[in-house]
């Protein structure tokens, strides 16, 4: 089949453009990993933990590295779960549960600076801190749009992280080896294009009877929490049933709603 010269040039240009974009995307992904490895602690973490992570992924028949990561944290249960997948249309699979090694505050959302509360709600990782005071840390976007409406307008607090060193005044601490693993997983997901790695923080595992009983006692002491926690549970239940994340939005009143 004969292709006219102008059309041929357009096809060649399109193929070259697509190739260039793929090359640039690959470099961008690689460069974020390499940038993180330029920090001593991260480089050592990759050297010490990556091979073990690969073997753990292989044992669970998961493709390495995960392109999508979802993190769930449960305050009362001192548990942080890491879910992974490799295609946008896939359902999530549980990779691992990490023990949260210290806890500040109690059940309920964070509402002001200095209340020592771990936030509750729907967040994402907005910072990779390779030189953290607490070994390595992953920052959360607290205050989020809901918090900005419901928390103290002048001093809502901030600087909430998942980090190492096992101390806390309102963050989510893991041991140093565990934060190294989570940091590596998050680095690869970010490099693969997941700019907003979701972190959902719940008071309890709602379908655990002992946890639910404890939360009911909290409601008795503070009934105002019941509506807030019910909205959190709706998102928890959706994920439990579907292993997919709903779209979460915030109403003008600061309440979480999902689709």
C-alpha atoms as a PDB file:
ATOM      1  CA  UNK A   1       0.000   0.000   0.000  1.00  0.00           C
ATOM      2  CA  UNK A   2       1.360   3.373  -0.961  1.00  0.00           C
ATOM      3  CA  UNK A   3       1.427   6.028   1.783  1.00  0.00           C
ATOM      4  CA  UNK A   4       1.633   9.639   0.732  1.00  0.00           C
ATOM      5  CA  UNK A   5       4.684  11.527   1.985  1.00  0.00           C
ATOM      6  CA  UNK A   6       2.841  13.985   4.315  1.00  0.00           C
ATOM      7  CA  UNK A   7       0.923  11.149   5.961  1.00  0.00           C
ATOM      8  CA  UNK A   8       4.092   9.085   6.245  1.00  0.00           C
ATOM      9  CA  UNK A   9       5.877  11.984   7.959  1.00  0.00           C
ATOM     10  CA  UNK A  10       2.983  12.351  10.403  1.00  0.00           C
ATOM     11  CA  UNK A  11       3.104   8.646  11.264  1.00  0.00           C
ATOM     12  CA  UNK A  12       6.862   8.759  11.811  1.00  0.00           C
ATOM     13  CA  UNK A  13       6.525  11.875  13.951  1.00  0.00           C
ATOM     14  CA  UNK A  14       3.763  10.263  16.033  1.00  0.00           C
ATOM     15  CA  UNK A  15       5.814   7.119  16.613  1.00  0.00           C
ATOM     16  CA  UNK A  16       8.865   9.171  17.567  1.00  0.00           C
ATOM     17  CA  UNK A  17       6.774  11.331  19.898  1.00  0.00           C
ATOM     18  CA  UNK A  18       5.242   8.279  21.595  1.00  0.00           C
ATOM     19  CA  UNK A  19       8.677   6.738  21.977  1.00  0.00           C
ATOM     20  CA  UNK A  20      10.044   9.933  23.475  1.00  0.00           C
ATOM     21  CA  UNK A  21       7.160  10.186  25.950  1.00  0.00           C
ATOM     22  CA  UNK A  22       7.642   6.561  27.024  1.00  0.00           C
ATOM     23  CA  UNK A  23      11.370   7.177  27.435  1.00  0.00           C
ATOM     24  CA  UNK A  24      10.797  10.322  29.496  1.00  0.00           C
ATOM     25  CA  UNK A  25       8.216   8.535  31.663  1.00  0.00           C
ATOM     26  CA  UNK A  26      10.660   5.714  32.277  1.00  0.00           C
ATOM     27  CA  UNK A  27      13.398   8.167  33.196  1.00  0.00           C
ATOM     28  CA  UNK A  28      11.056  10.041  35.548  1.00  0.00           C
ATOM     29  CA  UNK A  29      10.161   6.822  37.330  1.00  0.00           C
ATOM     30  CA  UNK A  30      13.773   5.707  37.563  1.00  0.00           C
ATOM     31  CA  UNK A  31      14.965   9.159  38.613  1.00  0.00           C
ATOM     32  CA  UNK A  32      12.659   9.292  41.658  1.00  0.00           C
ATOM     33  CA  UNK A  33      13.996   5.966  42.923  1.00  0.00           C
ATOM     34  CA  UNK A  34      17.562   7.032  42.218  1.00  0.00           C
ATOM     35  CA  UNK A  35      16.955  10.397  43.864  1.00  0.00           C
ATOM     36  CA  UNK A  36      15.724   8.679  47.010  1.00  0.00           C
ATOM     37  CA  UNK A  37      18.711   6.326  46.932  1.00  0.00           C
ATOM     38  CA  UNK A  38      21.004   9.350  46.920  1.00  0.00           C
ATOM     39  CA  UNK A  39      20.177   9.696  50.625  1.00  0.00           C
ATOM     40  CA  UNK A  40      22.303   7.470  52.845  1.00  0.00           C
ATOM     41  CA  UNK A  41      19.475   6.049  54.978  1.00  0.00           C
ATOM     42  CA  UNK A  42      17.351   5.222  51.957  1.00  0.00           C
ATOM     43  CA  UNK A  43      20.264   3.664  50.107  1.00  0.00           C
ATOM     44  CA  UNK A  44      20.994   1.437  53.102  1.00  0.00           C
ATOM     45  CA  UNK A  45      17.306   0.566  53.411  1.00  0.00           C
ATOM     46  CA  UNK A  46      17.214  -0.599  49.782  1.00  0.00           C
ATOM     47  CA  UNK A  47      20.396  -2.608  50.293  1.00  0.00           C
ATOM     48  CA  UNK A  48      19.086  -4.253  53.471  1.00  0.00           C
ATOM     49  CA  UNK A  49      15.372  -4.716  52.718  1.00  0.00           C
ATOM     50  CA  UNK A  50      14.663  -4.853  49.001  1.00  0.00           C
ATOM     51  CA  UNK A  51      15.727  -8.451  48.417  1.00  0.00           C
ATOM     52  CA  UNK A  52      13.568  -9.634  51.324  1.00  0.00           C
ATOM     53  CA  UNK A  53      10.606  -7.657  50.019  1.00  0.00           C
ATOM     54  CA  UNK A  54      11.016  -9.206  46.574  1.00  0.00           C
ATOM     55  CA  UNK A  55      10.984 -12.701  48.090  1.00  0.00           C
ATOM     56  CA  UNK A  56       7.896 -11.886  50.156  1.00  0.00           C
ATOM     57  CA  UNK A  57       6.109 -10.615  47.056  1.00  0.00           C
ATOM     58  CA  UNK A  58       7.083 -13.762  45.156  1.00  0.00           C
ATOM     59  CA  UNK A  59       5.821 -15.971  47.986  1.00  0.00           C
ATOM     60  CA  UNK A  60       2.417 -14.270  47.734  1.00  0.00           C
ATOM     61  CA  UNK A  61       2.490 -14.375  43.919  1.00  0.00           C
ATOM     62  CA  UNK A  62       2.510 -10.581  43.705  1.00  0.00           C
ATOM     63  CA  UNK A  63       4.316  -8.716  40.933  1.00  0.00           C
ATOM     64  CA  UNK A  64       7.337  -6.707  42.093  1.00  0.00           C
ATOM     65  CA  UNK A  65       7.385  -3.798  42.586  1.00  0.00           C
ATOM     66  CA  UNK A  66       3.791  -2.775  43.215  1.00  0.00           C
ATOM     67  CA  UNK A  67       2.614   0.150  41.105  1.00  0.00           C
ATOM     68  CA  UNK A  68      -0.239   1.014  43.465  1.00  0.00           C
ATOM     69  CA  UNK A  69      -0.102   1.020  47.263  1.00  0.00           C
ATOM     70  CA  UNK A  70      -2.949   1.576  49.722  1.00  0.00           C
ATOM     71  CA  UNK A  71      -2.308   1.964  53.453  1.00  0.00           C
ATOM     72  CA  UNK A  72      -4.895   1.404  56.204  1.00  0.00           C
ATOM     73  CA  UNK A  73      -4.189   2.146  59.861  1.00  0.00           C
ATOM     74  CA  UNK A  74      -6.300   1.089  62.864  1.00  0.00           C
ATOM     75  CA  UNK A  75      -5.643   2.990  66.084  1.00  0.00           C
ATOM     76  CA  UNK A  76      -7.216   0.688  68.686  1.00  0.00           C
ATOM     77  CA  UNK A  77      -5.763  -2.409  67.022  1.00  0.00           C
ATOM     78  CA  UNK A  78      -2.277  -0.869  66.600  1.00  0.00           C
ATOM     79  CA  UNK A  79      -2.235  -2.277  63.085  1.00  0.00           C
ATOM     80  CA  UNK A  80      -1.109  -0.802  59.763  1.00  0.00           C
ATOM     81  CA  UNK A  81      -1.984  -2.733  56.613  1.00  0.00           C
ATOM     82  CA  UNK A  82      -0.306  -2.437  53.218  1.00  0.00           C
ATOM     83  CA  UNK A  83      -2.390  -3.370  50.174  1.00  0.00           C
ATOM     84  CA  UNK A  84      -0.973  -3.503  46.648  1.00  0.00           C
ATOM     85  CA  UNK A  85      -1.887  -3.939  42.994  1.00  0.00           C
ATOM     86  CA  UNK A  86      -0.291  -3.381  39.594  1.00  0.00           C
ATOM     87  CA  UNK A  87      -3.128  -2.287  37.323  1.00  0.00           C
ATOM     88  CA  UNK A  88      -5.625   0.488  37.926  1.00  0.00           C
ATOM     89  CA  UNK A  89      -8.481  -1.929  37.201  1.00  0.00           C
ATOM     90  CA  UNK A  90      -7.196  -4.652  39.556  1.00  0.00           C
ATOM     91  CA  UNK A  91      -8.550  -5.231  43.034  1.00  0.00           C
ATOM     92  CA  UNK A  92      -6.123  -4.746  45.934  1.00  0.00           C
ATOM     93  CA  UNK A  93      -4.369  -7.654  47.638  1.00  0.00           C
ATOM     94  CA  UNK A  94      -3.107  -7.532  51.217  1.00  0.00           C
ATOM     95  CA  UNK A  95       0.671  -7.664  51.230  1.00  0.00           C
ATOM     96  CA  UNK A  96       1.493  -7.231  54.892  1.00  0.00           C
ATOM     97  CA  UNK A  97       0.370  -5.955  58.282  1.00  0.00           C
ATOM     98  CA  UNK A  98       2.760  -3.930  60.427  1.00  0.00           C
ATOM     99  CA  UNK A  99       2.554  -3.434  64.163  1.00  0.00           C
ATOM    100  CA  UNK A 100       2.218   0.197  65.240  1.00  0.00           C
ATOM    101  CA  UNK A 101       4.604   0.345  68.158  1.00  0.00           C
ATOM    102  CA  UNK A 102       3.277   3.361  70.109  1.00  0.00           C
ATOM    103  CA  UNK A 103       0.051   5.365  70.308  1.00  0.00           C
ATOM    104  CA  UNK A 104      -0.837   8.848  71.496  1.00  0.00           C
ATOM    105  CA  UNK A 105      -4.311  10.132  72.311  1.00  0.00           C
ATOM    106  CA  UNK A 106      -7.479   8.079  72.004  1.00  0.00           C
ATOM    107  CA  UNK A 107     -10.285   7.363  69.559  1.00  0.00           C
ATOM    108  CA  UNK A 108     -11.665  10.267  67.555  1.00  0.00           C
ATOM    109  CA  UNK A 109     -10.258  12.766  65.035  1.00  0.00           C
ATOM    110  CA  UNK A 110      -7.528  15.322  65.571  1.00  0.00           C
ATOM    111  CA  UNK A 111      -9.015  18.773  66.083  1.00  0.00           C
ATOM    112  CA  UNK A 112      -6.253  21.077  67.310  1.00  0.00           C
ATOM    113  CA  UNK A 113      -2.532  21.528  67.705  1.00  0.00           C
ATOM    114  CA  UNK A 114      -1.121  19.855  70.796  1.00  0.00           C
ATOM    115  CA  UNK A 115      -4.023  17.474  71.459  1.00  0.00           C
ATOM    116  CA  UNK A 116      -1.697  14.473  70.826  1.00  0.00           C
ATOM    117  CA  UNK A 117      -4.403  12.878  68.702  1.00  0.00           C
ATOM    118  CA  UNK A 118      -3.612  10.677  65.724  1.00  0.00           C
ATOM    119  CA  UNK A 119      -5.930  11.940  62.964  1.00  0.00           C
ATOM    120  CA  UNK A 120      -8.790   9.830  61.653  1.00  0.00           C
ATOM    121  CA  UNK A 121      -9.976  10.127  58.091  1.00  0.00           C
ATOM    122  CA  UNK A 122      -8.745   9.937  54.526  1.00  0.00           C
ATOM    123  CA  UNK A 123      -5.299  11.203  53.640  1.00  0.00           C
ATOM    124  CA  UNK A 124      -2.445  10.670  51.202  1.00  0.00           C
ATOM    125  CA  UNK A 125       1.340  10.715  51.381  1.00  0.00           C
ATOM    126  CA  UNK A 126       2.609  14.179  50.497  1.00  0.00           C
ATOM    127  CA  UNK A 127       6.229  13.996  51.650  1.00  0.00           C
ATOM    128  CA  UNK A 128       9.157  11.581  51.571  1.00  0.00           C
ATOM    129  CA  UNK A 129      11.550  12.610  54.354  1.00  0.00           C
ATOM    130  CA  UNK A 130      14.835  10.758  53.997  1.00  0.00           C
ATOM    131  CA  UNK A 131      16.507  12.782  56.773  1.00  0.00           C
ATOM    132  CA  UNK A 132      13.804  12.514  59.389  1.00  0.00           C
ATOM    133  CA  UNK A 133      14.465  12.919  63.088  1.00  0.00           C
ATOM    134  CA  UNK A 134      12.662   9.585  63.315  1.00  0.00           C
ATOM    135  CA  UNK A 135      14.873   7.655  60.868  1.00  0.00           C
ATOM    136  CA  UNK A 136      12.651   7.786  57.745  1.00  0.00           C
ATOM    137  CA  UNK A 137       9.168   9.278  57.482  1.00  0.00           C
ATOM    138  CA  UNK A 138       6.237   9.607  55.114  1.00  0.00           C
ATOM    139  CA  UNK A 139       4.204  12.783  55.581  1.00  0.00           C
ATOM    140  CA  UNK A 140       0.406  12.931  55.464  1.00  0.00           C
ATOM    141  CA  UNK A 141      -1.664  15.824  54.128  1.00  0.00           C
ATOM    142  CA  UNK A 142      -3.158  16.711  57.510  1.00  0.00           C
ATOM    143  CA  UNK A 143      -5.116  18.953  57.773  1.00  0.00           C
ATOM    144  CA  UNK A 144      -7.114  17.705  54.811  1.00  0.00           C
ATOM    145  CA  UNK A 145     -10.212  19.552  53.454  1.00  0.00           C
ATOM    146  CA  UNK A 146     -12.454  18.031  56.138  1.00  0.00           C
ATOM    147  CA  UNK A 147     -10.051  18.919  58.936  1.00  0.00           C
ATOM    148  CA  UNK A 148      -9.781  22.486  57.684  1.00  0.00           C
ATOM    149  CA  UNK A 149     -13.532  22.856  58.175  1.00  0.00           C
ATOM    150  CA  UNK A 150     -13.897  20.984  61.468  1.00  0.00           C
ATOM    151  CA  UNK A 151     -10.603  21.488  63.304  1.00  0.00           C
ATOM    152  CA  UNK A 152      -9.442  24.622  65.114  1.00  0.00           C
ATOM    153  CA  UNK A 153      -9.298  27.315  62.436  1.00  0.00           C
ATOM    154  CA  UNK A 154      -6.197  28.975  63.878  1.00  0.00           C
ATOM    155  CA  UNK A 155      -4.165  26.018  65.115  1.00  0.00           C
ATOM    156  CA  UNK A 156      -5.347  22.713  63.644  1.00  0.00           C
ATOM    157  CA  UNK A 157      -1.896  21.187  64.040  1.00  0.00           C
ATOM    158  CA  UNK A 158       0.202  19.522  61.366  1.00  0.00           C
ATOM    159  CA  UNK A 159       3.346  17.543  60.596  1.00  0.00           C
ATOM    160  CA  UNK A 160       1.695  14.127  60.863  1.00  0.00           C
ATOM    161  CA  UNK A 161       3.934  11.291  59.662  1.00  0.00           C
ATOM    162  CA  UNK A 162       4.301   7.557  59.468  1.00  0.00           C
ATOM    163  CA  UNK A 163       7.840   7.166  60.768  1.00  0.00           C
ATOM    164  CA  UNK A 164      10.434   5.064  62.571  1.00  0.00           C
ATOM    165  CA  UNK A 165      12.021   5.332  66.036  1.00  0.00           C
ATOM    166  CA  UNK A 166       8.906   4.090  67.893  1.00  0.00           C
ATOM    167  CA  UNK A 167       7.966   7.345  69.640  1.00  0.00           C
ATOM    168  CA  UNK A 168       4.917   9.529  68.994  1.00  0.00           C
ATOM    169  CA  UNK A 169       3.022  12.659  69.964  1.00  0.00           C
ATOM    170  CA  UNK A 170       0.298  12.140  67.382  1.00  0.00           C
ATOM    171  CA  UNK A 171       1.971  10.342  64.473  1.00  0.00           C
ATOM    172  CA  UNK A 172       1.994   6.679  63.409  1.00  0.00           C
ATOM    173  CA  UNK A 173       5.302   5.114  64.499  1.00  0.00           C
ATOM    174  CA  UNK A 174       6.782   1.865  63.245  1.00  0.00           C
ATOM    175  CA  UNK A 175      10.155   0.378  64.080  1.00  0.00           C
ATOM    176  CA  UNK A 176      13.055   1.445  61.857  1.00  0.00           C
ATOM    177  CA  UNK A 177      13.132  -1.824  59.832  1.00  0.00           C
ATOM    178  CA  UNK A 178       9.401  -1.585  59.139  1.00  0.00           C
ATOM    179  CA  UNK A 179       9.429   2.045  58.043  1.00  0.00           C
ATOM    180  CA  UNK A 180      12.288   1.143  55.704  1.00  0.00           C
ATOM    181  CA  UNK A 181      10.079  -1.466  54.028  1.00  0.00           C
ATOM    182  CA  UNK A 182       7.125   0.892  53.741  1.00  0.00           C
ATOM    183  CA  UNK A 183       9.361   3.673  52.440  1.00  0.00           C
ATOM    184  CA  UNK A 184      10.695   1.410  49.679  1.00  0.00           C
ATOM    185  CA  UNK A 185       7.210   0.258  48.669  1.00  0.00           C
ATOM    186  CA  UNK A 186       5.952   3.845  48.597  1.00  0.00           C
ATOM    187  CA  UNK A 187       8.997   5.022  46.634  1.00  0.00           C
ATOM    188  CA  UNK A 188       8.376   2.482  43.885  1.00  0.00           C
ATOM    189  CA  UNK A 189       4.661   3.317  43.734  1.00  0.00           C
ATOM    190  CA  UNK A 190       5.424   7.024  43.519  1.00  0.00           C
ATOM    191  CA  UNK A 191       7.994   6.347  40.811  1.00  0.00           C
ATOM    192  CA  UNK A 192       5.414   4.334  38.852  1.00  0.00           C
ATOM    193  CA  UNK A 193       3.130   7.363  38.784  1.00  0.00           C
ATOM    194  CA  UNK A 194       0.983   7.028  41.912  1.00  0.00           C
ATOM    195  CA  UNK A 195       1.291  10.615  43.052  1.00  0.00           C
ATOM    196  CA  UNK A 196      -1.376  10.289  45.741  1.00  0.00           C
ATOM    197  CA  UNK A 197      -0.758   7.167  47.833  1.00  0.00           C
ATOM    198  CA  UNK A 198      -3.904   6.867  49.989  1.00  0.00           C
ATOM    199  CA  UNK A 199      -3.644   6.464  53.755  1.00  0.00           C
ATOM    200  CA  UNK A 200      -6.930   5.802  55.551  1.00  0.00           C
ATOM    201  CA  UNK A 201      -6.878   6.037  59.347  1.00  0.00           C
ATOM    202  CA  UNK A 202      -9.685   4.340  61.250  1.00  0.00           C
ATOM    203  CA  UNK A 203     -10.315   4.095  65.000  1.00  0.00           C
ATOM    204  CA  UNK A 204     -10.909   0.329  64.894  1.00  0.00           C
ATOM    205  CA  UNK A 205     -11.425  -2.703  62.689  1.00  0.00           C
ATOM    206  CA  UNK A 206     -15.178  -2.298  62.543  1.00  0.00           C
ATOM    207  CA  UNK A 207     -15.972  -5.953  61.919  1.00  0.00           C
ATOM    208  CA  UNK A 208     -13.983  -7.137  64.910  1.00  0.00           C
ATOM    209  CA  UNK A 209     -16.391  -7.722  67.806  1.00  0.00           C
ATOM    210  CA  UNK A 210     -13.991  -6.700  70.587  1.00  0.00           C
ATOM    211  CA  UNK A 211     -13.073  -3.490  68.759  1.00  0.00           C
ATOM    212  CA  UNK A 212     -16.712  -2.622  68.044  1.00  0.00           C
ATOM    213  CA  UNK A 213     -17.608  -3.123  71.698  1.00  0.00           C
ATOM    214  CA  UNK A 214     -14.843  -0.735  72.723  1.00  0.00           C
ATOM    215  CA  UNK A 215     -15.998   1.904  70.242  1.00  0.00           C
ATOM    216  CA  UNK A 216     -19.561   1.715  71.568  1.00  0.00           C
ATOM    217  CA  UNK A 217     -18.212   2.632  75.006  1.00  0.00           C
ATOM    218  CA  UNK A 218     -16.519   5.653  73.435  1.00  0.00           C
ATOM    219  CA  UNK A 219     -19.830   6.681  71.860  1.00  0.00           C
ATOM    220  CA  UNK A 220     -21.516   6.515  75.257  1.00  0.00           C
ATOM    221  CA  UNK A 221     -18.947   8.954  76.625  1.00  0.00           C
ATOM    222  CA  UNK A 222     -18.997  11.172  73.514  1.00  0.00           C
ATOM    223  CA  UNK A 223     -22.136  10.697  71.327  1.00  0.00           C
ATOM    224  CA  UNK A 224     -20.961  13.420  68.919  1.00  0.00           C
ATOM    225  CA  UNK A 225     -18.422  10.985  67.482  1.00  0.00           C
ATOM    226  CA  UNK A 226     -21.057   8.548  66.232  1.00  0.00           C
ATOM    227  CA  UNK A 227     -21.917  10.337  62.968  1.00  0.00           C
ATOM    228  CA  UNK A 228     -18.260  10.979  62.174  1.00  0.00           C
ATOM    229  CA  UNK A 229     -17.307   7.352  62.750  1.00  0.00           C
ATOM    230  CA  UNK A 230     -20.316   6.115  60.741  1.00  0.00           C
ATOM    231  CA  UNK A 231     -18.978   7.953  57.684  1.00  0.00           C
ATOM    232  CA  UNK A 232     -15.573   6.369  58.166  1.00  0.00           C
ATOM    233  CA  UNK A 233     -17.155   2.949  58.488  1.00  0.00           C
ATOM    234  CA  UNK A 234     -19.008   3.343  55.179  1.00  0.00           C
ATOM    235  CA  UNK A 235     -15.696   3.647  53.345  1.00  0.00           C
ATOM    236  CA  UNK A 236     -14.194   0.787  55.388  1.00  0.00           C
ATOM    237  CA  UNK A 237     -17.126  -1.482  54.529  1.00  0.00           C
ATOM    238  CA  UNK A 238     -16.974  -0.590  50.833  1.00  0.00           C
ATOM    239  CA  UNK A 239     -13.336  -1.609  50.662  1.00  0.00           C
ATOM    240  CA  UNK A 240     -13.875  -4.774  52.709  1.00  0.00           C
ATOM    241  CA  UNK A 241     -16.600  -5.896  50.315  1.00  0.00           C
ATOM    242  CA  UNK A 242     -14.979  -4.841  47.033  1.00  0.00           C
ATOM    243  CA  UNK A 243     -11.220  -4.515  47.607  1.00  0.00           C
ATOM    244  CA  UNK A 244     -11.457  -1.274  45.663  1.00  0.00           C
ATOM    245  CA  UNK A 245     -11.294   2.298  46.873  1.00  0.00           C
ATOM    246  CA  UNK A 246     -14.334   4.538  46.546  1.00  0.00           C
ATOM    247  CA  UNK A 247     -14.052   8.192  45.579  1.00  0.00           C
ATOM    248  CA  UNK A 248     -14.154  10.166  48.837  1.00  0.00           C
ATOM    249  CA  UNK A 249     -15.287  13.791  48.906  1.00  0.00           C
ATOM    250  CA  UNK A 250     -16.036  16.362  51.609  1.00  0.00           C
ATOM    251  CA  UNK A 251     -19.380  18.083  52.058  1.00  0.00           C
ATOM    252  CA  UNK A 252     -19.664  21.839  52.796  1.00  0.00           C
ATOM    253  CA  UNK A 253     -20.114  20.831  56.446  1.00  0.00           C
ATOM    254  CA  UNK A 254     -16.840  18.902  56.468  1.00  0.00           C
ATOM    255  CA  UNK A 255     -18.467  15.467  56.440  1.00  0.00           C
ATOM    256  CA  UNK A 256     -16.954  12.660  54.387  1.00  0.00           C
ATOM    257  CA  UNK A 257     -19.118  11.358  51.549  1.00  0.00           C
ATOM    258  CA  UNK A 258     -18.202   8.692  49.020  1.00  0.00           C
ATOM    259  CA  UNK A 259     -19.256   7.444  45.606  1.00  0.00           C
END
